[in-house]
Amino acid sequence: MNGLPLQLFRARSFLFKRKPRFILYVLMGTLPVSAQVQTLSQVLDRSVKQFPFLKSKQSEMESAQQRKSAALTERLPILTVQHQYNYATNNSITGSVFNTEGTNVAISGGVRPENNYEGVFGSFTTAVAEWRLINFGRVKASIRAADAEVTRAQEDYQNEIFQHQIRVSDAYLALLINQKLVDIQRRNLDRALTFKQIVDAGVRSGMRPGVDSSLATAEASRARILLLESQQREQVQRLQLSELTGLVEDHLQIDSLRFYTSLPASPSASDSLFLNHPALRFQRSQVDWATARSIATHRSLWPTISLVGAGWARGSGVQNNGDVYRTDVSNGIKYQVGNYLFGVSARWNLTNALRIKREYRSDVAQTERFQHLYQEQNNRLQRLTRESETQFNVAMEQARQAPVQLQAARQAYHQAQARYKNGLADLPTVLQSFLTLNRAEVDAYVANSNAWRSLLRIAAAEGDLSLFLNQVK
């Protein structure tokens, strides 16, 4: 987990920037009435079921499970059967040859003064069974390695679900605050237009200078730009949240729940909860998997002792009671002889030990790597836990101070407006109070949202999303 996907809003910076950007005219009143409002729990359930990357992790788990099933088959005996019909000559000579790789050609046949190139039909059937009775724990080690891989895939999936739910929850909160900012900028535009009408009336009556009308027009235009920018950000955030649910859509509707009616309570402190963090469990499963794999590699150094049984039958156009040729098919493919064999065999590839030893050292180094990654993840989670608690305390204090700022800004706005109407204040003073009120309204909602997002950060750091969800219900 490379950090948590939470970013606190910086409302002042994005509300008053002057950068050209693509304008999306998406008004709340134009959304279809049939759009269903979804709660956070519904969005989380939908994202877990539909997000493609999580589905890929499910496929990865299935793949690991099938590899484990394949490893279990190593306990079974090896049974090989074959049957063939052939047409060949029957010439041979006394002596030995090396076997070659691939399909070997049998060179047995009659030894005679001259070669006979007349072919005859033949048949050959074999059945060979081998049971690796003693393998010095190699099969068990392979099965344990496969089982550790299944556990690793499962922990990886659970960790990805947790991380994705954190991202979805944060995107949900981000969309909520962007919706509120649209409402704020719409009210801000209404105030600007209403005040512009008052100023224009005063200018037409000759009670106000013409520059006041120009300033009021500029302020109204600025309010329109802020509204358009906030609508753009809202729609972009809506698309980003819908992408995380697995289906991109333009009209995703979400419920504000308790996010703007109350502040979160401080969660109970726990110094050991993060030890069960999904990311930490995944790193631990990585260590266990690498350890099991190194043991399996080391066990493959040992020999294998097997019980072997075989049976075979053969037919040929050359009769076994004399060097008599029969070229017809029926006499060639009919079995003439049969044999069986039982025994014990031991195989030990001594030169293969050089390669296996190096593979084992590679697996040990990989195990050490995962142990270091586990420790690094452990340290990061400890830091994030303490850091998120500090951020939560600061965010809660900011959320408590925001209403005080908003109330003072409203009073200043009304006072400046009254003084302007009575000729006791100039228009720049009113515009400054106008700007201060808009900033205070934004800061109030952002501070409230940041308090909830800081609680989400605590839940993400401690690996327990219920710390956040239990307070939302």
Protein backbone atom coordinates (compact mmCIF):
# COMPACT_ATOMS: atom_id res chain seq x y z
CA MET A 1 0.00 0.00 0.00
CA ASN A 2 1.84 3.06 -1.24
CA GLY A 3 0.07 5.66 0.85
CA LEU A 4 -3.64 6.22 1.20
CA PRO A 5 -5.77 7.75 -1.57
CA LEU A 6 -6.95 10.69 0.51
CA GLN A 7 -6.30 14.33 -0.32
CA LEU A 8 -7.68 17.17 1.74
CA PHE A 9 -9.44 19.86 -0.20
CA ARG A 10 -7.76 23.21 -0.61
CA ALA A 11 -10.83 25.21 -1.42
CA ARG A 12 -9.25 28.63 -1.54
CA SER A 13 -6.74 27.63 -4.17
CA PHE A 14 -9.17 26.05 -6.60
CA LEU A 15 -11.99 28.56 -6.21
CA PHE A 16 -10.01 31.64 -7.24
CA LYS A 17 -7.65 30.33 -9.92
CA ARG A 18 -7.91 31.85 -13.38
CA LYS A 19 -7.07 29.03 -15.76
CA PRO A 20 -8.92 28.35 -19.01
CA ARG A 21 -10.60 24.97 -18.91
CA PHE A 22 -13.31 23.00 -20.64
CA ILE A 23 -16.73 24.06 -19.27
CA LEU A 24 -19.35 21.42 -18.53
CA TYR A 25 -22.85 22.84 -18.25
CA VAL A 26 -24.31 20.22 -15.94
CA LEU A 27 -27.07 21.70 -13.79
CA MET A 28 -28.53 19.66 -10.96
CA GLY A 29 -32.03 20.31 -12.19
CA THR A 30 -31.34 18.57 -15.47
CA LEU A 31 -30.61 15.16 -13.95
CA PRO A 32 -33.23 12.52 -14.72
CA VAL A 33 -35.87 12.03 -12.08
CA SER A 34 -35.54 8.26 -12.41
CA ALA A 35 -31.90 8.26 -11.19
CA GLN A 36 -31.72 6.20 -8.01
CA VAL A 37 -30.00 7.77 -5.01
CA GLN A 38 -27.40 5.33 -3.65
CA THR A 39 -25.97 5.17 -0.16
CA LEU A 40 -22.32 4.60 0.59
CA SER A 41 -22.94 0.94 1.47
CA GLN A 42 -24.70 0.36 -1.84
CA VAL A 43 -21.87 1.99 -3.77
CA LEU A 44 -19.29 -0.10 -1.90
CA ASP A 45 -21.16 -3.36 -2.56
CA ARG A 46 -21.53 -2.48 -6.22
CA SER A 47 -17.86 -1.61 -6.59
CA VAL A 48 -16.69 -4.88 -5.02
CA LYS A 49 -18.92 -6.91 -7.36
CA GLN A 50 -18.26 -5.01 -10.58
CA PHE A 51 -14.78 -3.48 -10.51
CA PRO A 52 -12.71 -5.28 -13.20
CA PHE A 53 -9.44 -5.31 -11.25
CA LEU A 54 -11.08 -7.10 -8.33
CA LYS A 55 -12.52 -9.63 -10.76
CA SER A 56 -9.00 -10.23 -12.04
CA LYS A 57 -7.90 -10.98 -8.47
CA GLN A 58 -10.71 -13.52 -8.21
CA SER A 59 -9.39 -15.20 -11.35
CA GLU A 60 -5.93 -15.18 -9.80
CA MET A 61 -7.30 -16.98 -6.74
CA GLU A 62 -8.95 -19.58 -8.97
CA SER A 63 -5.67 -20.06 -10.82
CA ALA A 64 -3.80 -20.66 -7.54
CA GLN A 65 -6.48 -23.11 -6.40
CA GLN A 66 -6.13 -25.10 -9.63
CA ARG A 67 -2.34 -25.22 -9.18
CA LYS A 68 -2.89 -26.61 -5.70
CA SER A 69 -5.21 -29.28 -7.13
CA ALA A 70 -2.53 -30.12 -9.67
CA ALA A 71 0.06 -30.47 -6.87
CA LEU A 72 -2.23 -32.91 -5.02
CA THR A 73 -2.15 -35.24 -8.03
CA GLU A 74 1.56 -35.87 -7.39
CA ARG A 75 0.47 -38.35 -4.72
CA LEU A 76 -1.12 -40.58 -7.36
CA PRO A 77 0.76 -43.36 -9.17
CA ILE A 78 1.93 -42.69 -12.71
CA LEU A 79 0.11 -44.95 -15.15
CA THR A 80 1.22 -44.94 -18.80
CA VAL A 81 -0.39 -47.04 -21.51
CA GLN A 82 0.27 -47.23 -25.23
CA HIS A 83 -0.73 -49.31 -28.18
CA GLN A 84 0.54 -49.27 -31.74
CA TYR A 85 0.28 -50.97 -35.11
CA ASN A 86 3.24 -50.78 -37.43
CA TYR A 87 4.69 -52.00 -40.70
CA ALA A 88 8.45 -52.50 -40.69
CA THR A 89 11.39 -54.60 -41.77
CA ASN A 90 13.18 -57.02 -39.42
CA ASN A 91 16.96 -56.71 -39.81
CA SER A 92 19.44 -56.42 -36.96
CA ILE A 93 23.03 -56.97 -35.95
CA THR A 94 24.77 -57.71 -32.69
CA GLY A 95 26.01 -54.65 -30.81
CA SER A 96 24.96 -51.73 -28.58
CA VAL A 97 23.84 -48.17 -29.28
CA PHE A 98 22.91 -45.07 -27.27
CA ASN A 99 19.31 -44.11 -26.78
CA THR A 100 18.38 -40.86 -28.46
CA GLU A 101 15.99 -38.18 -27.24
CA GLY A 102 12.46 -38.16 -28.54
CA THR A 103 10.81 -41.25 -30.04
CA ASN A 104 13.19 -44.19 -29.88
CA VAL A 105 13.23 -46.75 -32.66
CA ALA A 106 13.54 -50.40 -31.56
CA ILE A 107 16.46 -52.07 -33.37
CA SER A 108 15.84 -55.68 -32.32
CA GLY A 109 15.26 -58.16 -35.08
CA GLY A 110 16.58 -61.24 -36.72
CA VAL A 111 20.31 -61.57 -37.32
CA ARG A 112 20.83 -63.14 -40.74
CA PRO A 113 23.55 -63.12 -43.39
CA GLU A 114 21.61 -60.84 -45.72
CA ASN A 115 19.11 -58.08 -45.17
CA ASN A 116 15.48 -58.73 -45.93
CA TYR A 117 13.66 -55.58 -46.90
CA GLU A 118 10.24 -57.13 -47.06
CA GLY A 119 8.09 -55.46 -44.40
CA VAL A 120 5.61 -57.16 -42.09
CA PHE A 121 2.82 -55.89 -39.88
CA GLY A 122 3.17 -55.80 -36.12
CA SER A 123 1.53 -54.62 -32.88
CA PHE A 124 2.81 -53.58 -29.48
CA THR A 125 0.91 -52.77 -26.26
CA THR A 126 2.38 -51.66 -22.94
CA ALA A 127 1.10 -50.60 -19.53
CA VAL A 128 3.56 -49.18 -16.98
CA ALA A 129 2.67 -48.09 -13.44
CA GLU A 130 5.06 -46.22 -11.12
CA TRP A 131 4.32 -45.21 -7.56
CA ARG A 132 6.85 -42.89 -5.94
CA LEU A 133 6.73 -44.61 -2.59
CA ILE A 134 9.53 -42.68 -0.88
CA ASN A 135 10.31 -39.10 -1.95
CA PHE A 136 11.71 -37.71 1.33
CA GLY A 137 8.90 -35.14 1.72
CA ARG A 138 9.20 -33.61 -1.74
CA VAL A 139 5.52 -34.11 -2.62
CA LYS A 140 4.33 -32.78 0.76
CA ALA A 141 6.57 -29.72 0.38
CA SER A 142 5.18 -29.06 -3.10
CA ILE A 143 1.60 -29.29 -1.80
CA ARG A 144 2.39 -26.94 1.09
CA ALA A 145 3.95 -24.46 -1.34
CA ALA A 146 0.82 -24.61 -3.51
CA ASP A 147 -1.37 -24.14 -0.43
CA ALA A 148 0.73 -21.13 0.62
CA GLU A 149 0.24 -19.67 -2.86
CA VAL A 150 -3.55 -20.03 -2.48
CA THR A 151 -3.39 -18.23 0.87
CA ARG A 152 -1.26 -15.52 -0.69
CA ALA A 153 -3.77 -15.02 -3.52
CA GLN A 154 -6.64 -14.83 -1.02
CA GLU A 155 -4.86 -12.27 1.16
CA ASP A 156 -3.97 -10.26 -1.94
CA TYR A 157 -7.65 -10.23 -2.94
CA GLN A 158 -8.80 -9.16 0.54
CA ASN A 159 -6.19 -6.41 0.63
CA GLU A 160 -7.27 -5.12 -2.78
CA ILE A 161 -10.91 -5.11 -1.66
CA PHE A 162 -10.00 -3.06 1.40
CA GLN A 163 -7.86 -0.59 -0.56
CA HIS A 164 -10.59 -0.24 -3.18
CA GLN A 165 -13.25 0.41 -0.55
CA ILE A 166 -11.07 3.15 0.89
CA ARG A 167 -10.71 4.72 -2.56
CA VAL A 168 -14.45 4.48 -3.18
CA SER A 169 -15.30 6.00 0.20
CA ASP A 170 -12.92 8.88 -0.37
CA ALA A 171 -14.31 9.48 -3.88
CA TYR A 172 -17.82 9.39 -2.39
CA LEU A 173 -16.93 12.12 0.10
CA ALA A 174 -15.19 14.10 -2.62
CA LEU A 175 -18.33 14.01 -4.78
CA LEU A 176 -20.47 15.13 -1.83
CA ILE A 177 -18.31 18.18 -1.16
CA ASN A 178 -18.25 19.04 -4.86
CA GLN A 179 -22.04 18.90 -4.93
CA LYS A 180 -22.16 21.25 -1.94
CA LEU A 181 -19.71 23.61 -3.63
CA VAL A 182 -22.03 23.78 -6.64
CA ASP A 183 -24.88 24.80 -4.33
CA ILE A 184 -22.67 27.38 -2.67
CA GLN A 185 -21.58 28.90 -5.98
CA ARG A 186 -25.18 28.95 -7.20
CA ARG A 187 -26.23 30.91 -4.10
CA ASN A 188 -23.19 33.10 -4.59
CA LEU A 189 -24.31 33.87 -8.14
CA ASP A 190 -27.84 34.67 -6.93
CA ARG A 191 -26.41 37.12 -4.40
CA ALA A 192 -24.21 38.71 -7.05
CA LEU A 193 -27.09 39.13 -9.50
CA THR A 194 -29.40 40.54 -6.82
CA PHE A 195 -26.76 42.99 -5.66
CA LYS A 196 -26.03 43.97 -9.27
CA GLN A 197 -29.69 44.92 -9.73
CA ILE A 198 -29.50 47.14 -6.66
CA VAL A 199 -26.29 48.78 -7.86
CA ASP A 200 -27.63 49.28 -11.40
CA ALA A 201 -30.75 50.94 -9.99
CA GLY A 202 -28.59 53.31 -7.95
CA VAL A 203 -26.43 54.14 -10.98
CA ARG A 204 -29.48 54.83 -13.15
CA SER A 205 -30.90 57.14 -10.49
CA GLY A 206 -27.62 59.02 -10.33
CA MET A 207 -27.01 58.12 -6.69
CA ARG A 208 -24.06 55.86 -7.50
CA PRO A 209 -21.11 56.36 -9.84
CA GLY A 210 -21.00 54.33 -13.07
CA VAL A 211 -17.90 52.45 -11.95
CA ASP A 212 -20.02 50.69 -9.32
CA SER A 213 -22.13 49.11 -12.06
CA SER A 214 -19.00 47.88 -13.84
CA LEU A 215 -17.62 46.40 -10.61
CA ALA A 216 -20.92 44.70 -9.86
CA THR A 217 -21.02 43.26 -13.39
CA ALA A 218 -17.47 41.94 -12.98
CA GLU A 219 -18.40 40.33 -9.69
CA ALA A 220 -21.45 38.65 -11.24
CA SER A 221 -19.31 37.32 -14.10
CA ARG A 222 -16.78 36.00 -11.60
CA ALA A 223 -19.60 34.24 -9.74
CA ARG A 224 -20.76 32.61 -12.99
CA ILE A 225 -17.23 31.38 -13.69
CA LEU A 226 -16.94 29.90 -10.19
CA LEU A 227 -20.28 28.13 -10.66
CA LEU A 228 -19.18 26.65 -13.99
CA GLU A 229 -15.86 25.51 -12.53
CA SER A 230 -17.60 23.88 -9.57
CA GLN A 231 -20.04 22.11 -11.92
CA GLN A 232 -17.11 20.83 -13.96
CA ARG A 233 -15.35 19.48 -10.87
CA GLU A 234 -18.57 17.86 -9.68
CA GLN A 235 -19.10 16.03 -12.96
CA VAL A 236 -15.47 14.93 -13.16
CA GLN A 237 -15.66 13.56 -9.61
CA ARG A 238 -18.96 11.81 -10.41
CA LEU A 239 -17.32 10.08 -13.37
CA GLN A 240 -14.32 9.08 -11.26
CA LEU A 241 -16.56 7.57 -8.59
CA SER A 242 -18.66 5.72 -11.17
CA GLU A 243 -15.46 4.32 -12.69
CA LEU A 244 -14.52 2.88 -9.31
CA THR A 245 -17.91 1.15 -9.16
CA GLY A 246 -17.08 -0.67 -12.39
CA LEU A 247 -19.51 1.15 -14.71
CA VAL A 248 -18.89 4.70 -15.94
CA GLU A 249 -22.10 6.72 -15.93
CA ASP A 250 -23.00 10.42 -16.09
CA HIS A 251 -25.88 10.54 -13.62
CA LEU A 252 -24.73 8.71 -10.50
CA GLN A 253 -26.75 10.01 -7.52
CA ILE A 254 -25.50 9.56 -3.95
CA ASP A 255 -26.97 10.18 -0.52
CA SER A 256 -25.32 12.68 1.86
CA LEU A 257 -26.27 10.50 4.89
CA ARG A 258 -24.96 12.08 8.14
CA PHE A 259 -21.97 13.81 6.63
CA TYR A 260 -23.40 17.35 6.94
CA THR A 261 -25.65 16.95 9.96
CA SER A 262 -23.02 15.85 12.48
CA LEU A 263 -19.31 15.46 13.06
CA PRO A 264 -17.65 12.07 13.60
CA ALA A 265 -16.78 10.88 17.09
CA SER A 266 -13.20 10.14 17.99
CA PRO A 267 -12.48 6.41 17.44
CA SER A 268 -11.09 4.34 20.29
CA ALA A 269 -7.29 4.18 20.21
CA SER A 270 -5.64 0.83 19.50
CA ASP A 271 -1.89 0.21 19.30
CA SER A 272 -2.16 -3.31 17.87
CA LEU A 273 -5.15 -3.19 15.51
CA PHE A 274 -2.99 -2.40 12.50
CA LEU A 275 -1.15 -5.72 12.99
CA ASN A 276 -4.22 -7.35 11.43
CA HIS A 277 -4.20 -4.85 8.57
CA PRO A 278 -5.04 -6.48 5.18
CA ALA A 279 -1.86 -5.04 3.65
CA LEU A 280 0.24 -6.48 6.49
CA ARG A 281 -1.48 -9.86 6.24
CA PHE A 282 -0.72 -9.91 2.53
CA GLN A 283 2.96 -9.17 3.13
CA ARG A 284 3.04 -11.92 5.76
CA SER A 285 1.52 -14.38 3.30
CA GLN A 286 4.24 -13.40 0.83
CA VAL A 287 6.87 -14.43 3.37
CA ASP A 288 5.10 -17.74 4.09
CA TRP A 289 4.74 -18.50 0.38
CA ALA A 290 8.42 -17.81 -0.37
CA THR A 291 9.46 -19.93 2.63
CA ALA A 292 7.31 -22.88 1.53
CA ARG A 293 8.62 -22.61 -2.00
CA SER A 294 12.25 -22.66 -0.81
CA ILE A 295 11.55 -25.80 1.25
CA ALA A 296 9.99 -27.50 -1.78
CA THR A 297 13.01 -26.58 -3.89
CA HIS A 298 15.39 -27.97 -1.26
CA ARG A 299 13.45 -31.25 -0.98
CA SER A 300 13.79 -31.83 -4.72
CA LEU A 301 17.50 -32.54 -4.10
CA TRP A 302 16.66 -35.95 -2.63
CA PRO A 303 16.22 -39.21 -4.61
CA THR A 304 12.96 -40.94 -5.40
CA ILE A 305 12.29 -44.62 -4.62
CA SER A 306 9.43 -46.07 -6.64
CA LEU A 307 7.50 -49.27 -7.00
CA VAL A 308 7.27 -50.17 -10.69
CA GLY A 309 5.00 -52.60 -12.48
CA ALA A 310 4.69 -53.17 -16.20
CA GLY A 311 3.03 -55.50 -18.67
CA TRP A 312 3.33 -55.70 -22.43
CA ALA A 313 2.27 -57.81 -25.37
CA ARG A 314 3.60 -57.94 -28.91
CA GLY A 315 2.56 -59.28 -32.26
CA SER A 316 4.61 -59.56 -35.45
CA GLY A 317 4.43 -60.94 -38.95
CA VAL A 318 7.71 -62.75 -38.17
CA GLN A 319 6.70 -65.88 -36.26
CA ASN A 320 8.39 -66.71 -32.96
CA ASN A 321 8.78 -70.41 -33.85
CA GLY A 322 11.11 -69.73 -36.71
CA ASP A 323 12.18 -67.10 -39.17
CA VAL A 324 8.88 -67.34 -41.03
CA TYR A 325 7.41 -64.22 -42.67
CA ARG A 326 3.69 -63.61 -42.92
CA THR A 327 2.87 -60.36 -44.71
CA ASP A 328 -0.90 -60.33 -44.10
CA VAL A 329 -2.33 -57.92 -41.52
CA SER A 330 -4.28 -60.43 -39.44
CA ASN A 331 -1.20 -62.51 -38.60
CA GLY A 332 0.94 -59.42 -38.02
CA ILE A 333 -1.21 -57.60 -35.46
CA LYS A 334 -2.21 -60.71 -33.48
CA TYR A 335 -0.35 -60.95 -30.16
CA GLN A 336 2.25 -63.71 -30.03
CA VAL A 337 4.03 -63.00 -26.72
CA GLY A 338 3.28 -61.29 -23.43
CA ASN A 339 5.40 -60.26 -20.42
CA TYR A 340 5.13 -58.61 -17.04
CA LEU A 341 7.57 -56.93 -14.66
CA PHE A 342 7.52 -55.83 -11.01
CA GLY A 343 10.33 -54.16 -9.12
CA VAL A 344 11.71 -51.27 -7.11
CA SER A 345 13.69 -48.44 -8.66
CA ALA A 346 15.71 -45.59 -7.17
CA ARG A 347 16.56 -42.46 -9.13
CA TRP A 348 18.84 -39.66 -8.03
CA ASN A 349 19.98 -37.02 -10.48
CA LEU A 350 23.28 -36.08 -8.86
CA THR A 351 24.38 -33.42 -11.32
CA ASN A 352 20.98 -31.72 -11.03
CA ALA A 353 21.94 -30.79 -7.47
CA LEU A 354 24.12 -27.94 -8.75
CA ARG A 355 21.12 -26.23 -10.36
CA ILE A 356 18.76 -26.94 -7.46
CA LYS A 357 21.17 -25.49 -4.89
CA ARG A 358 21.26 -22.21 -6.77
CA GLU A 359 17.50 -22.18 -7.13
CA TYR A 360 17.23 -22.75 -3.37
CA ARG A 361 19.56 -19.81 -2.65
CA SER A 362 17.42 -17.69 -4.97
CA ASP A 363 14.27 -18.68 -3.06
CA VAL A 364 15.94 -17.88 0.27
CA ALA A 365 16.92 -14.43 -1.02
CA GLN A 366 13.32 -13.90 -2.15
CA THR A 367 12.11 -14.85 1.33
CA GLU A 368 14.44 -12.27 2.87
CA ARG A 369 13.13 -9.68 0.40
CA PHE A 370 9.54 -10.29 1.49
CA GLN A 371 10.58 -10.10 5.15
CA HIS A 372 12.09 -6.67 4.54
CA LEU A 373 8.93 -5.57 2.70
CA TYR A 374 6.86 -6.78 5.65
CA GLN A 375 8.93 -4.71 8.06
CA GLU A 376 8.73 -1.69 5.76
CA GLN A 377 4.93 -2.03 5.59
CA ASN A 378 4.76 -2.40 9.35
CA ASN A 379 6.73 0.81 9.88
CA ARG A 380 4.60 2.69 7.34
CA LEU A 381 1.36 1.65 9.04
CA GLN A 382 2.66 2.73 12.44
CA ARG A 383 3.51 6.14 10.99
CA LEU A 384 0.18 6.47 9.20
CA THR A 385 -1.73 5.52 12.35
CA ARG A 386 -0.10 8.27 14.40
CA GLU A 387 -0.28 10.73 11.52
CA SER A 388 -3.98 10.11 10.89
CA GLU A 389 -4.81 10.62 14.57
CA THR A 390 -3.05 14.01 14.51
CA GLN A 391 -4.86 15.01 11.33
CA PHE A 392 -8.19 13.94 12.81
CA ASN A 393 -7.72 16.14 15.88
CA VAL A 394 -6.76 19.15 13.72
CA ALA A 395 -9.66 18.55 11.30
CA MET A 396 -12.15 18.32 14.15
CA GLU A 397 -10.95 21.61 15.60
CA GLN A 398 -11.18 23.25 12.17
CA ALA A 399 -14.73 21.93 11.78
CA ARG A 400 -15.68 23.46 15.13
CA GLN A 401 -14.20 26.83 14.16
CA ALA A 402 -15.76 26.95 10.70
CA PRO A 403 -19.29 27.90 11.91
CA VAL A 404 -17.78 30.80 13.88
CA GLN A 405 -16.05 32.05 10.74
CA LEU A 406 -19.23 31.64 8.69
CA GLN A 407 -21.41 33.52 11.20
CA ALA A 408 -18.94 36.41 11.37
CA ALA A 409 -18.69 36.55 7.57
CA ARG A 410 -22.48 36.72 7.23
CA GLN A 411 -22.70 39.52 9.74
CA ALA A 412 -19.95 41.44 7.97
CA TYR A 413 -21.70 40.96 4.62
CA HIS A 414 -25.06 42.20 5.87
CA GLN A 415 -23.46 45.15 7.67
CA ALA A 416 -21.43 46.15 4.63
CA GLN A 417 -24.48 45.88 2.40
CA ALA A 418 -26.54 48.04 4.77
CA ARG A 419 -23.80 50.64 5.03
CA TYR A 420 -23.50 50.73 1.25
CA LYS A 421 -27.23 51.30 0.82
CA ASN A 422 -27.03 54.17 3.30
CA GLY A 423 -24.00 55.69 1.59
CA LEU A 424 -21.64 54.91 4.49
CA ALA A 425 -19.40 52.42 2.61
CA ASP A 426 -17.99 52.14 -0.87
CA LEU A 427 -18.50 49.23 -3.26
CA PRO A 428 -15.01 47.65 -2.83
CA THR A 429 -15.80 47.18 0.87
CA VAL A 430 -19.02 45.37 -0.02
CA LEU A 431 -17.25 43.23 -2.61
CA GLN A 432 -14.64 42.25 -0.05
CA SER A 433 -17.36 41.15 2.37
CA PHE A 434 -18.99 39.34 -0.55
CA LEU A 435 -15.77 37.43 -1.20
CA THR A 436 -15.25 36.71 2.51
CA LEU A 437 -18.74 35.24 2.84
CA ASN A 438 -18.24 32.99 -0.18
CA ARG A 439 -14.92 31.75 1.19
CA ALA A 440 -16.44 31.13 4.64
CA GLU A 441 -19.30 29.10 3.16
CA VAL A 442 -16.84 26.97 1.24
CA ASP A 443 -14.54 26.55 4.24
CA ALA A 444 -17.46 25.42 6.43
CA TYR A 445 -18.40 22.53 4.18
CA VAL A 446 -14.79 21.64 3.39
CA ALA A 447 -13.90 21.55 7.10
CA ASN A 448 -16.85 19.29 7.80
CA SER A 449 -15.88 17.00 4.93
CA ASN A 450 -12.25 16.93 6.02
CA ALA A 451 -13.29 15.77 9.49
CA TRP A 452 -14.99 12.73 7.97
CA ARG A 453 -12.14 12.14 5.56
CA SER A 454 -9.63 12.21 8.41
CA LEU A 455 -11.72 9.54 10.16
CA LEU A 456 -11.56 7.53 6.93
CA ARG A 457 -7.79 7.98 7.00
CA ILE A 458 -7.68 6.47 10.51
CA ALA A 459 -9.75 3.51 9.33
CA ALA A 460 -7.42 3.06 6.34
CA ALA A 461 -4.32 3.22 8.53
CA GLU A 462 -5.65 0.72 11.07
CA GLY A 463 -7.08 -1.65 8.47
CA ASP A 464 -10.66 -1.54 9.78
CA LEU A 465 -13.21 0.20 7.58
CA SER A 466 -15.94 -0.38 10.18
CA LEU A 467 -14.40 2.44 12.24
CA PHE A 468 -15.71 4.73 9.51
CA LEU A 469 -18.85 2.91 8.34
CA ASN A 470 -20.29 2.42 11.86
CA GLN A 471 -20.45 6.20 12.33
CA VAL A 472 -21.99 6.80 8.91
CA LYS A 473 -25.04 4.60 9.59
